Amino acid sequence: MKAHRNPHPRVPNPPAPDNFNPGDALELLYAELVEVEALAHAAGEAVTLLPSASSAKVRRRFARLYSLVTKTADQATATLTLGENLVALLSGHMAVRRAASPPAAAATQGRVRRAR
């Protein structure tokens, strides 16, 4: 079997102090959360495919494992929903800021005129 290709999603580069952009940082965090959620749900599916337990002790271990994986998947989903809400809020906030700010050309011309 040929090696499986696993392409990574295109996300912004990690932010650096000299070119930090909160929107890019939030998008990067959101992309990472999507991966964590996918892993958590895959782990939950894998646990359900484990063979049946042979003893009470092993059943308890499986139950604990399933509970842990399920809670992790639920928390990952809740965090991802929060991330989606934050991205939407940031988009709305940036739209309001753009609408409230003067056009870039007028702001640049005003600075040039004052400098003369």
C-alpha atoms as a PDB file:
ATOM      1  CA  MET A   1       0.000   0.000   0.000  1.00  0.00           C
ATOM      2  CA  LYS A   2       1.300   3.448  -0.876  1.00  0.00           C
ATOM      3  CA  ALA A   3       2.007   5.934   1.879  1.00  0.00           C
ATOM      4  CA  HIS A   4      -1.131   7.790   2.847  1.00  0.00           C
ATOM      5  CA  ARG A   5      -1.050  11.483   2.063  1.00  0.00           C
ATOM      6  CA  ASN A   6      -2.138  13.688   4.959  1.00  0.00           C
ATOM      7  CA  PRO A   7      -2.329  17.302   3.740  1.00  0.00           C
ATOM      8  CA  HIS A   8      -2.335  19.992   6.379  1.00  0.00           C
ATOM      9  CA  PRO A   9      -4.921  22.770   6.162  1.00  0.00           C
ATOM     10  CA  ARG A  10      -3.689  26.151   5.036  1.00  0.00           C
ATOM     11  CA  VAL A  11      -3.573  28.378   8.088  1.00  0.00           C
ATOM     12  CA  PRO A  12      -1.714  31.619   8.763  1.00  0.00           C
ATOM     13  CA  ASN A  13       1.847  31.413  10.016  1.00  0.00           C
ATOM     14  CA  PRO A  14       2.206  31.472  13.799  1.00  0.00           C
ATOM     15  CA  PRO A  15       2.074  35.093  14.933  1.00  0.00           C
ATOM     16  CA  ALA A  16       5.310  36.863  15.793  1.00  0.00           C
ATOM     17  CA  PRO A  17       5.550  39.855  18.134  1.00  0.00           C
ATOM     18  CA  ASP A  18       6.458  42.245  15.307  1.00  0.00           C
ATOM     19  CA  ASN A  19       3.546  41.301  13.010  1.00  0.00           C
ATOM     20  CA  PHE A  20       0.858  40.097  15.409  1.00  0.00           C
ATOM     21  CA  ASN A  21      -2.656  40.081  13.972  1.00  0.00           C
ATOM     22  CA  PRO A  22      -5.446  39.039  16.381  1.00  0.00           C
ATOM     23  CA  GLY A  23      -7.621  37.764  13.526  1.00  0.00           C
ATOM     24  CA  ASP A  24      -4.867  35.491  12.202  1.00  0.00           C
ATOM     25  CA  ALA A  25      -4.087  34.271  15.718  1.00  0.00           C
ATOM     26  CA  LEU A  26      -7.730  33.429  16.352  1.00  0.00           C
ATOM     27  CA  GLU A  27      -7.992  31.603  13.011  1.00  0.00           C
ATOM     28  CA  LEU A  28      -4.841  29.610  13.825  1.00  0.00           C
ATOM     29  CA  LEU A  29      -6.230  28.649  17.230  1.00  0.00           C
ATOM     30  CA  TYR A  30      -9.549  27.689  15.662  1.00  0.00           C
ATOM     31  CA  ALA A  31      -7.803  25.445  13.111  1.00  0.00           C
ATOM     32  CA  GLU A  32      -5.944  23.687  15.927  1.00  0.00           C
ATOM     33  CA  LEU A  33      -9.210  23.204  17.843  1.00  0.00           C
ATOM     34  CA  VAL A  34     -10.794  21.558  14.798  1.00  0.00           C
ATOM     35  CA  GLU A  35      -7.947  19.011  14.792  1.00  0.00           C
ATOM     36  CA  VAL A  36      -8.285  18.340  18.536  1.00  0.00           C
ATOM     37  CA  GLU A  37     -12.025  17.834  18.186  1.00  0.00           C
ATOM     38  CA  ALA A  38     -11.537  15.436  15.281  1.00  0.00           C
ATOM     39  CA  LEU A  39      -9.009  13.411  17.289  1.00  0.00           C
ATOM     40  CA  ALA A  40     -11.319  13.273  20.292  1.00  0.00           C
ATOM     41  CA  HIS A  41     -14.235  12.013  18.222  1.00  0.00           C
ATOM     42  CA  ALA A  42     -12.024   9.472  16.442  1.00  0.00           C
ATOM     43  CA  ALA A  43     -10.846   8.197  19.821  1.00  0.00           C
ATOM     44  CA  GLY A  44     -14.464   7.852  20.916  1.00  0.00           C
ATOM     45  CA  GLU A  45     -15.256   5.791  17.834  1.00  0.00           C
ATOM     46  CA  ALA A  46     -12.169   3.646  18.392  1.00  0.00           C
ATOM     47  CA  VAL A  47     -13.202   2.881  21.976  1.00  0.00           C
ATOM     48  CA  THR A  48     -16.592   1.648  20.831  1.00  0.00           C
ATOM     49  CA  LEU A  49     -14.858  -0.826  18.497  1.00  0.00           C
ATOM     50  CA  LEU A  50     -12.817  -2.464  21.253  1.00  0.00           C
ATOM     51  CA  PRO A  51     -13.634  -6.127  21.888  1.00  0.00           C
ATOM     52  CA  SER A  52     -16.059  -6.929  24.688  1.00  0.00           C
ATOM     53  CA  ALA A  53     -14.605  -7.231  28.157  1.00  0.00           C
ATOM     54  CA  SER A  54     -13.909 -10.604  29.651  1.00  0.00           C
ATOM     55  CA  SER A  55     -14.197  -9.653  33.316  1.00  0.00           C
ATOM     56  CA  ALA A  56     -15.749  -7.030  35.573  1.00  0.00           C
ATOM     57  CA  LYS A  57     -12.362  -5.431  36.145  1.00  0.00           C
ATOM     58  CA  VAL A  58     -11.752  -5.024  32.399  1.00  0.00           C
ATOM     59  CA  ARG A  59     -15.321  -3.750  31.860  1.00  0.00           C
ATOM     60  CA  ARG A  60     -14.711  -1.065  34.484  1.00  0.00           C
ATOM     61  CA  ARG A  61     -11.519  -0.025  32.688  1.00  0.00           C
ATOM     62  CA  PHE A  62     -13.353   0.165  29.369  1.00  0.00           C
ATOM     63  CA  ALA A  63     -16.154   2.171  30.980  1.00  0.00           C
ATOM     64  CA  ARG A  64     -13.647   4.615  32.469  1.00  0.00           C
ATOM     65  CA  LEU A  65     -11.831   4.920  29.169  1.00  0.00           C
ATOM     66  CA  TYR A  66     -15.070   5.488  27.271  1.00  0.00           C
ATOM     67  CA  SER A  67     -16.198   8.062  29.837  1.00  0.00           C
ATOM     68  CA  LEU A  68     -12.889   9.917  29.594  1.00  0.00           C
ATOM     69  CA  VAL A  69     -12.903   9.928  25.789  1.00  0.00           C
ATOM     70  CA  THR A  70     -16.549  10.992  25.629  1.00  0.00           C
ATOM     71  CA  LYS A  71     -16.022  13.864  28.067  1.00  0.00           C
ATOM     72  CA  THR A  72     -12.948  14.968  26.129  1.00  0.00           C
ATOM     73  CA  ALA A  73     -14.893  14.942  22.853  1.00  0.00           C
ATOM     74  CA  ASP A  74     -17.756  16.891  24.446  1.00  0.00           C
ATOM     75  CA  GLN A  75     -15.349  19.481  25.855  1.00  0.00           C
ATOM     76  CA  ALA A  76     -13.572  19.764  22.502  1.00  0.00           C
ATOM     77  CA  THR A  77     -16.906  20.358  20.772  1.00  0.00           C
ATOM     78  CA  ALA A  78     -17.886  23.019  23.317  1.00  0.00           C
ATOM     79  CA  THR A  79     -14.519  24.736  22.909  1.00  0.00           C
ATOM     80  CA  LEU A  80     -14.831  24.618  19.132  1.00  0.00           C
ATOM     81  CA  THR A  81     -18.282  26.214  19.367  1.00  0.00           C
ATOM     82  CA  LEU A  82     -16.780  28.959  21.537  1.00  0.00           C
ATOM     83  CA  GLY A  83     -14.058  29.443  18.920  1.00  0.00           C
ATOM     84  CA  GLU A  84     -16.669  29.778  16.167  1.00  0.00           C
ATOM     85  CA  ASN A  85     -18.511  32.388  18.237  1.00  0.00           C
ATOM     86  CA  LEU A  86     -15.286  34.319  18.890  1.00  0.00           C
ATOM     87  CA  VAL A  87     -14.407  34.320  15.185  1.00  0.00           C
ATOM     88  CA  ALA A  88     -17.894  35.643  14.382  1.00  0.00           C
ATOM     89  CA  LEU A  89     -17.621  38.341  17.078  1.00  0.00           C
ATOM     90  CA  LEU A  90     -14.208  39.405  15.811  1.00  0.00           C
ATOM     91  CA  SER A  91     -15.522  39.604  12.249  1.00  0.00           C
ATOM     92  CA  GLY A  92     -18.415  41.788  13.388  1.00  0.00           C
ATOM     93  CA  HIS A  93     -16.113  43.969  15.473  1.00  0.00           C
ATOM     94  CA  MET A  94     -13.708  44.466  12.565  1.00  0.00           C
ATOM     95  CA  ALA A  95     -16.599  45.329  10.213  1.00  0.00           C
ATOM     96  CA  VAL A  96     -17.824  48.000  12.648  1.00  0.00           C
ATOM     97  CA  ARG A  97     -14.289  49.396  12.993  1.00  0.00           C
ATOM     98  CA  ARG A  98     -13.858  49.547   9.218  1.00  0.00           C
ATOM     99  CA  ALA A  99     -17.211  51.302   8.808  1.00  0.00           C
ATOM    100  CA  ALA A 100     -16.397  53.849  11.531  1.00  0.00           C
ATOM    101  CA  SER A 101     -12.889  54.697  10.330  1.00  0.00           C
ATOM    102  CA  PRO A 102     -12.292  57.283   7.616  1.00  0.00           C
ATOM    103  CA  PRO A 103     -11.207  56.050   4.200  1.00  0.00           C
ATOM    104  CA  ALA A 104      -7.474  55.317   4.001  1.00  0.00           C
ATOM    105  CA  ALA A 105      -6.825  57.819   1.191  1.00  0.00           C
ATOM    106  CA  ALA A 106      -8.369  60.709   3.122  1.00  0.00           C
ATOM    107  CA  ALA A 107      -6.426  59.828   6.261  1.00  0.00           C
ATOM    108  CA  THR A 108      -3.163  59.696   4.318  1.00  0.00           C
ATOM    109  CA  GLN A 109      -3.814  63.016   2.573  1.00  0.00           C
ATOM    110  CA  GLY A 110      -4.576  64.690   5.901  1.00  0.00           C
ATOM    111  CA  ARG A 111      -1.227  63.607   7.326  1.00  0.00           C
ATOM    112  CA  VAL A 112       0.659  64.806   4.251  1.00  0.00           C
ATOM    113  CA  ARG A 113      -0.976  68.227   4.315  1.00  0.00           C
ATOM    114  CA  ARG A 114      -0.131  68.740   8.003  1.00  0.00           C
ATOM    115  CA  ALA A 115       3.486  67.818   7.420  1.00  0.00           C
ATOM    116  CA  ARG A 116       4.014  70.649   4.887  1.00  0.00           C
END
